[in-house]
Amino acid sequence: MIQLSLNTKQLQSKISEDQVFYCQQRGIGVEEAVGLIVNGYAKEVMNKLPMEFAVEAQKLLSISLEGSVG
């Protein structure tokens, strides 16, 4: 399991290896797969933010995921 820690309210969720494997079978690397999965979870929250906050939050999320796998 890949442990993902989001500092919103110390929410922790696990990305299953099956999800990452599914992406890898379609030619997506592990880091990109984790990013896609995390962004999928965060999309609902991001859509409720004002545009300027959503853009900044997306940038911060992508920065915090860089190098987090492996």
PDB file of N, CA and C in Angstrom:
ATOM      1  N   MET A   1       0.819  -1.189   0.000  1.00  0.00           N
ATOM      2  CA  MET A   1       0.000   0.000   0.000  1.00  0.00           C
ATOM      3  C   MET A   1       0.867   1.258   0.000  1.00  0.00           C
ATOM      4  N   ILE A   2       0.418   2.256  -0.692  1.00  0.00           N
ATOM      5  CA  ILE A   2       1.074   3.554  -0.688  1.00  0.00           C
ATOM      6  C   ILE A   2       0.305   4.429   0.280  1.00  0.00           C
ATOM      7  N   GLN A   3       1.006   4.949   1.282  1.00  0.00           N
ATOM      8  CA  GLN A   3       0.357   5.784   2.295  1.00  0.00           C
ATOM      9  C   GLN A   3       0.352   7.225   1.815  1.00  0.00           C
ATOM     10  N   LEU A   4      -0.798   7.826   1.836  1.00  0.00           N
ATOM     11  CA  LEU A   4      -0.936   9.221   1.432  1.00  0.00           C
ATOM     12  C   LEU A   4      -1.426   9.998   2.633  1.00  0.00           C
ATOM     13  N   SER A   5      -0.738  11.060   2.953  1.00  0.00           N
ATOM     14  CA  SER A   5      -1.124  11.865   4.097  1.00  0.00           C
ATOM     15  C   SER A   5      -1.501  13.260   3.625  1.00  0.00           C
ATOM     16  N   LEU A   6      -2.746  13.644   3.849  1.00  0.00           N
ATOM     17  CA  LEU A   6      -3.219  14.980   3.509  1.00  0.00           C
ATOM     18  C   LEU A   6      -3.368  15.767   4.805  1.00  0.00           C
ATOM     19  N   ASN A   7      -2.823  16.953   4.857  1.00  0.00           N
ATOM     20  CA  ASN A   7      -2.823  17.727   6.083  1.00  0.00           C
ATOM     21  C   ASN A   7      -4.049  18.598   6.269  1.00  0.00           C
ATOM     22  N   THR A   8      -5.168  18.265   5.651  1.00  0.00           N
ATOM     23  CA  THR A   8      -6.362  19.077   5.813  1.00  0.00           C
ATOM     24  C   THR A   8      -6.857  18.983   7.251  1.00  0.00           C
ATOM     25  N   LYS A   9      -7.204  17.822   7.684  1.00  0.00           N
ATOM     26  CA  LYS A   9      -7.564  17.558   9.079  1.00  0.00           C
ATOM     27  C   LYS A   9      -6.916  16.231   9.474  1.00  0.00           C
ATOM     28  N   GLN A  10      -5.662  16.086   9.065  1.00  0.00           N
ATOM     29  CA  GLN A  10      -4.912  14.851   9.262  1.00  0.00           C
ATOM     30  C   GLN A  10      -5.672  13.645   8.717  1.00  0.00           C
ATOM     31  N   LEU A  11      -6.276  13.840   7.562  1.00  0.00           N
ATOM     32  CA  LEU A  11      -6.946  12.767   6.852  1.00  0.00           C
ATOM     33  C   LEU A  11      -5.887  11.881   6.221  1.00  0.00           C
ATOM     34  N   GLN A  12      -5.989  10.606   6.437  1.00  0.00           N
ATOM     35  CA  GLN A  12      -5.069   9.686   5.793  1.00  0.00           C
ATOM     36  C   GLN A  12      -5.871   8.677   4.999  1.00  0.00           C
ATOM     37  N   SER A  13      -5.407   8.439   3.809  1.00  0.00           N
ATOM     38  CA  SER A  13      -6.063   7.478   2.946  1.00  0.00           C
ATOM     39  C   SER A  13      -4.985   6.638   2.301  1.00  0.00           C
ATOM     40  N   LYS A  14      -5.338   5.450   1.912  1.00  0.00           N
ATOM     41  CA  LYS A  14      -4.379   4.576   1.254  1.00  0.00           C
ATOM     42  C   LYS A  14      -4.782   4.387  -0.192  1.00  0.00           C
ATOM     43  N   ILE A  15      -3.797   4.532  -1.043  1.00  0.00           N
ATOM     44  CA  ILE A  15      -4.010   4.254  -2.459  1.00  0.00           C
ATOM     45  C   ILE A  15      -3.650   2.787  -2.651  1.00  0.00           C
ATOM     46  N   SER A  16      -4.567   2.041  -3.179  1.00  0.00           N
ATOM     47  CA  SER A  16      -4.295   0.613  -3.315  1.00  0.00           C
ATOM     48  C   SER A  16      -3.293   0.361  -4.428  1.00  0.00           C
ATOM     49  N   GLU A  17      -2.525  -0.678  -4.245  1.00  0.00           N
ATOM     50  CA  GLU A  17      -1.558  -1.073  -5.266  1.00  0.00           C
ATOM     51  C   GLU A  17      -2.280  -1.459  -6.553  1.00  0.00           C
ATOM     52  N   ASP A  18      -3.516  -1.923  -6.430  1.00  0.00           N
ATOM     53  CA  ASP A  18      -4.299  -2.278  -7.616  1.00  0.00           C
ATOM     54  C   ASP A  18      -4.580  -1.062  -8.483  1.00  0.00           C
ATOM     55  N   GLN A  19      -4.860   0.073  -7.837  1.00  0.00           N
ATOM     56  CA  GLN A  19      -5.115   1.302  -8.588  1.00  0.00           C
ATOM     57  C   GLN A  19      -3.873   1.723  -9.364  1.00  0.00           C
ATOM     58  N   VAL A  20      -2.718   1.668  -8.700  1.00  0.00           N
ATOM     59  CA  VAL A  20      -1.466   2.043  -9.346  1.00  0.00           C
ATOM     60  C   VAL A  20      -1.133   1.039 -10.451  1.00  0.00           C
ATOM     61  N   PHE A  21      -1.327  -0.249 -10.177  1.00  0.00           N
ATOM     62  CA  PHE A  21      -1.060  -1.288 -11.175  1.00  0.00           C
ATOM     63  C   PHE A  21      -1.926  -1.090 -12.414  1.00  0.00           C
ATOM     64  N   TYR A  22      -3.192  -0.768 -12.203  1.00  0.00           N
ATOM     65  CA  TYR A  22      -4.114  -0.519 -13.313  1.00  0.00           C
ATOM     66  C   TYR A  22      -3.569   0.591 -14.214  1.00  0.00           C
ATOM     67  N   CYS A  23      -3.105   1.671 -13.592  1.00  0.00           N
ATOM     68  CA  CYS A  23      -2.548   2.790 -14.365  1.00  0.00           C
ATOM     69  C   CYS A  23      -1.268   2.368 -15.088  1.00  0.00           C
ATOM     70  N   GLN A  24      -0.420   1.616 -14.396  1.00  0.00           N
ATOM     71  CA  GLN A  24       0.831   1.180 -15.008  1.00  0.00           C
ATOM     72  C   GLN A  24       0.584   0.308 -16.237  1.00  0.00           C
ATOM     73  N   GLN A  25      -0.449  -0.501 -16.192  1.00  0.00           N
ATOM     74  CA  GLN A  25      -0.773  -1.362 -17.333  1.00  0.00           C
ATOM     75  C   GLN A  25      -1.221  -0.557 -18.540  1.00  0.00           C
ATOM     76  N   ARG A  26      -1.549   0.684 -18.316  1.00  0.00           N
ATOM     77  CA  ARG A  26      -1.955   1.574 -19.403  1.00  0.00           C
ATOM     78  C   ARG A  26      -0.854   2.567 -19.758  1.00  0.00           C
ATOM     79  N   GLY A  27       0.370   2.266 -19.307  1.00  0.00           N
ATOM     80  CA  GLY A  27       1.529   3.067 -19.678  1.00  0.00           C
ATOM     81  C   GLY A  27       1.763   4.303 -18.838  1.00  0.00           C
ATOM     82  N   ILE A  28       1.123   4.385 -17.674  1.00  0.00           N
ATOM     83  CA  ILE A  28       1.279   5.542 -16.790  1.00  0.00           C
ATOM     84  C   ILE A  28       2.264   5.161 -15.687  1.00  0.00           C
ATOM     85  N   GLY A  29       3.257   6.017 -15.456  1.00  0.00           N
ATOM     86  CA  GLY A  29       4.252   5.770 -14.419  1.00  0.00           C
ATOM     87  C   GLY A  29       3.653   5.874 -13.023  1.00  0.00           C
ATOM     88  N   VAL A  30       4.378   5.349 -12.049  1.00  0.00           N
ATOM     89  CA  VAL A  30       3.884   5.307 -10.669  1.00  0.00           C
ATOM     90  C   VAL A  30       3.597   6.711 -10.128  1.00  0.00           C
ATOM     91  N   GLU A  31       4.555   7.631 -10.302  1.00  0.00           N
ATOM     92  CA  GLU A  31       4.354   8.987  -9.779  1.00  0.00           C
ATOM     93  C   GLU A  31       3.156   9.673 -10.414  1.00  0.00           C
ATOM     94  N   GLU A  32       3.034   9.536 -11.717  1.00  0.00           N
ATOM     95  CA  GLU A  32       1.899  10.145 -12.419  1.00  0.00           C
ATOM     96  C   GLU A  32       0.592   9.485 -11.990  1.00  0.00           C
ATOM     97  N   ALA A  33       0.617   8.159 -11.797  1.00  0.00           N
ATOM     98  CA  ALA A  33      -0.586   7.439 -11.363  1.00  0.00           C
ATOM     99  C   ALA A  33      -1.053   7.930 -10.000  1.00  0.00           C
ATOM    100  N   VAL A  34      -0.107   8.077  -9.069  1.00  0.00           N
ATOM    101  CA  VAL A  34      -0.461   8.568  -7.734  1.00  0.00           C
ATOM    102  C   VAL A  34      -1.045   9.971  -7.840  1.00  0.00           C
ATOM    103  N   GLY A  35      -0.445  10.809  -8.676  1.00  0.00           N
ATOM    104  CA  GLY A  35      -0.961  12.169  -8.884  1.00  0.00           C
ATOM    105  C   GLY A  35      -2.377  12.162  -9.423  1.00  0.00           C
ATOM    106  N   LEU A  36      -2.637  11.304 -10.395  1.00  0.00           N
ATOM    107  CA  LEU A  36      -3.983  11.214 -10.964  1.00  0.00           C
ATOM    108  C   LEU A  36      -5.002  10.766  -9.925  1.00  0.00           C
ATOM    109  N   ILE A  37      -4.619   9.780  -9.128  1.00  0.00           N
ATOM    110  CA  ILE A  37      -5.534   9.251  -8.109  1.00  0.00           C
ATOM    111  C   ILE A  37      -5.813  10.305  -7.042  1.00  0.00           C
ATOM    112  N   VAL A  38      -4.753  10.968  -6.572  1.00  0.00           N
ATOM    113  CA  VAL A  38      -4.915  12.010  -5.549  1.00  0.00           C
ATOM    114  C   VAL A  38      -5.761  13.156  -6.091  1.00  0.00           C
ATOM    115  N   ASN A  39      -5.476  13.571  -7.310  1.00  0.00           N
ATOM    116  CA  ASN A  39      -6.252  14.659  -7.909  1.00  0.00           C
ATOM    117  C   ASN A  39      -7.717  14.266  -8.068  1.00  0.00           C
ATOM    118  N   GLY A  40      -7.967  13.005  -8.319  1.00  0.00           N
ATOM    119  CA  GLY A  40      -9.345  12.530  -8.405  1.00  0.00           C
ATOM    120  C   GLY A  40     -10.076  12.702  -7.080  1.00  0.00           C
ATOM    121  N   TYR A  41      -9.375  12.407  -5.979  1.00  0.00           N
ATOM    122  CA  TYR A  41      -9.979  12.587  -4.659  1.00  0.00           C
ATOM    123  C   TYR A  41     -10.164  14.064  -4.340  1.00  0.00           C
ATOM    124  N   ALA A  42      -9.198  14.870  -4.733  1.00  0.00           N
ATOM    125  CA  ALA A  42      -9.211  16.294  -4.380  1.00  0.00           C
ATOM    126  C   ALA A  42     -10.112  17.125  -5.293  1.00  0.00           C
ATOM    127  N   LYS A  43     -10.505  16.583  -6.427  1.00  0.00           N
ATOM    128  CA  LYS A  43     -11.261  17.347  -7.422  1.00  0.00           C
ATOM    129  C   LYS A  43     -12.547  17.946  -6.850  1.00  0.00           C
ATOM    130  N   GLU A  44     -13.262  17.170  -6.062  1.00  0.00           N
ATOM    131  CA  GLU A  44     -14.529  17.648  -5.505  1.00  0.00           C
ATOM    132  C   GLU A  44     -14.320  18.885  -4.626  1.00  0.00           C
ATOM    133  N   VAL A  45     -13.267  18.854  -3.821  1.00  0.00           N
ATOM    134  CA  VAL A  45     -12.960  19.993  -2.949  1.00  0.00           C
ATOM    135  C   VAL A  45     -12.497  21.176  -3.786  1.00  0.00           C
ATOM    136  N   MET A  46     -11.625  20.917  -4.755  1.00  0.00           N
ATOM    137  CA  MET A  46     -11.086  21.982  -5.601  1.00  0.00           C
ATOM    138  C   MET A  46     -12.195  22.702  -6.360  1.00  0.00           C
ATOM    139  N   ASN A  47     -13.211  21.964  -6.791  1.00  0.00           N
ATOM    140  CA  ASN A  47     -14.312  22.564  -7.544  1.00  0.00           C
ATOM    141  C   ASN A  47     -15.138  23.537  -6.708  1.00  0.00           C
ATOM    142  N   LYS A  48     -15.084  23.406  -5.380  1.00  0.00           N
ATOM    143  CA  LYS A  48     -15.859  24.281  -4.508  1.00  0.00           C
ATOM    144  C   LYS A  48     -15.083  25.533  -4.106  1.00  0.00           C
ATOM    145  N   LEU A  49     -13.788  25.552  -4.399  1.00  0.00           N
ATOM    146  CA  LEU A  49     -12.963  26.714  -4.049  1.00  0.00           C
ATOM    147  C   LEU A  49     -13.098  27.808  -5.097  1.00  0.00           C
ATOM    148  N   PRO A  50     -12.935  29.072  -4.682  1.00  0.00           N
ATOM    149  CA  PRO A  50     -12.861  30.142  -5.690  1.00  0.00           C
ATOM    150  C   PRO A  50     -11.673  29.860  -6.617  1.00  0.00           C
ATOM    151  N   MET A  51     -11.777  30.283  -7.863  1.00  0.00           N
ATOM    152  CA  MET A  51     -10.801  29.934  -8.891  1.00  0.00           C
ATOM    153  C   MET A  51      -9.353  30.205  -8.469  1.00  0.00           C
ATOM    154  N   GLU A  52      -9.083  31.393  -7.897  1.00  0.00           N
ATOM    155  CA  GLU A  52      -7.700  31.720  -7.556  1.00  0.00           C
ATOM    156  C   GLU A  52      -7.139  30.783  -6.481  1.00  0.00           C
ATOM    157  N   PHE A  53      -7.990  30.344  -5.547  1.00  0.00           N
ATOM    158  CA  PHE A  53      -7.538  29.411  -4.524  1.00  0.00           C
ATOM    159  C   PHE A  53      -7.354  28.014  -5.109  1.00  0.00           C
ATOM    160  N   ALA A  54      -8.240  27.626  -6.001  1.00  0.00           N
ATOM    161  CA  ALA A  54      -8.155  26.302  -6.617  1.00  0.00           C
ATOM    162  C   ALA A  54      -6.872  26.155  -7.423  1.00  0.00           C
ATOM    163  N   VAL A  55      -6.498  27.210  -8.147  1.00  0.00           N
ATOM    164  CA  VAL A  55      -5.268  27.175  -8.948  1.00  0.00           C
ATOM    165  C   VAL A  55      -4.054  27.017  -8.031  1.00  0.00           C
ATOM    166  N   GLU A  56      -4.016  27.799  -6.963  1.00  0.00           N
ATOM    167  CA  GLU A  56      -2.887  27.711  -6.024  1.00  0.00           C
ATOM    168  C   GLU A  56      -2.856  26.360  -5.319  1.00  0.00           C
ATOM    169  N   ALA A  57      -4.014  25.868  -4.909  1.00  0.00           N
ATOM    170  CA  ALA A  57      -4.074  24.568  -4.239  1.00  0.00           C
ATOM    171  C   ALA A  57      -3.589  23.459  -5.163  1.00  0.00           C
ATOM    172  N   GLN A  58      -3.954  23.537  -6.435  1.00  0.00           N
ATOM    173  CA  GLN A  58      -3.510  22.538  -7.411  1.00  0.00           C
ATOM    174  C   GLN A  58      -1.991  22.575  -7.563  1.00  0.00           C
ATOM    175  N   LYS A  59      -1.414  23.771  -7.607  1.00  0.00           N
ATOM    176  CA  LYS A  59       0.046  23.903  -7.708  1.00  0.00           C
ATOM    177  C   LYS A  59       0.717  23.297  -6.479  1.00  0.00           C
ATOM    178  N   LEU A  60       0.195  23.620  -5.296  1.00  0.00           N
ATOM    179  CA  LEU A  60       0.765  23.090  -4.063  1.00  0.00           C
ATOM    180  C   LEU A  60       0.658  21.573  -3.997  1.00  0.00           C
ATOM    181  N   LEU A  61      -0.448  21.044  -4.442  1.00  0.00           N
ATOM    182  CA  LEU A  61      -0.646  19.598  -4.440  1.00  0.00           C
ATOM    183  C   LEU A  61       0.360  18.929  -5.364  1.00  0.00           C
ATOM    184  N   SER A  62       0.573  19.478  -6.538  1.00  0.00           N
ATOM    185  CA  SER A  62       1.524  18.873  -7.475  1.00  0.00           C
ATOM    186  C   SER A  62       2.947  18.975  -6.945  1.00  0.00           C
ATOM    187  N   ILE A  63       3.282  20.079  -6.275  1.00  0.00           N
ATOM    188  CA  ILE A  63       4.624  20.224  -5.698  1.00  0.00           C
ATOM    189  C   ILE A  63       4.825  19.222  -4.575  1.00  0.00           C
ATOM    190  N   SER A  64       3.830  19.062  -3.723  1.00  0.00           N
ATOM    191  CA  SER A  64       3.982  18.160  -2.572  1.00  0.00           C
ATOM    192  C   SER A  64       4.041  16.695  -2.988  1.00  0.00           C
ATOM    193  N   LEU A  65       3.533  16.360  -4.174  1.00  0.00           N
ATOM    194  CA  LEU A  65       3.583  14.977  -4.649  1.00  0.00           C
ATOM    195  C   LEU A  65       4.885  14.637  -5.356  1.00  0.00           C
ATOM    196  N   GLU A  66       5.638  15.643  -5.785  1.00  0.00           N
ATOM    197  CA  GLU A  66       6.887  15.391  -6.501  1.00  0.00           C
ATOM    198  C   GLU A  66       7.853  14.615  -5.600  1.00  0.00           C
ATOM    199  N   GLY A  67       8.289  13.477  -6.090  1.00  0.00           N
ATOM    200  CA  GLY A  67       9.259  12.665  -5.365  1.00  0.00           C
ATOM    201  C   GLY A  67       8.707  11.955  -4.148  1.00  0.00           C
ATOM    202  N   SER A  68       7.396  11.936  -3.965  1.00  0.00           N
ATOM    203  CA  SER A  68       6.822  11.304  -2.777  1.00  0.00           C
ATOM    204  C   SER A  68       6.654   9.799  -2.922  1.00  0.00           C
ATOM    205  N   VAL A  69       6.858   9.271  -4.118  1.00  0.00           N
ATOM    206  CA  VAL A  69       6.699   7.840  -4.360  1.00  0.00           C
ATOM    207  C   VAL A  69       8.081   7.232  -4.501  1.00  0.00           C
ATOM    208  N   GLY A  70       8.249   6.094  -3.852  1.00  0.00           N
ATOM    209  CA  GLY A  70       9.504   5.379  -4.049  1.00  0.00           C
ATOM    210  C   GLY A  70      10.424   5.381  -2.894  1.00  0.00           C
TER     211      GLY A  70
END
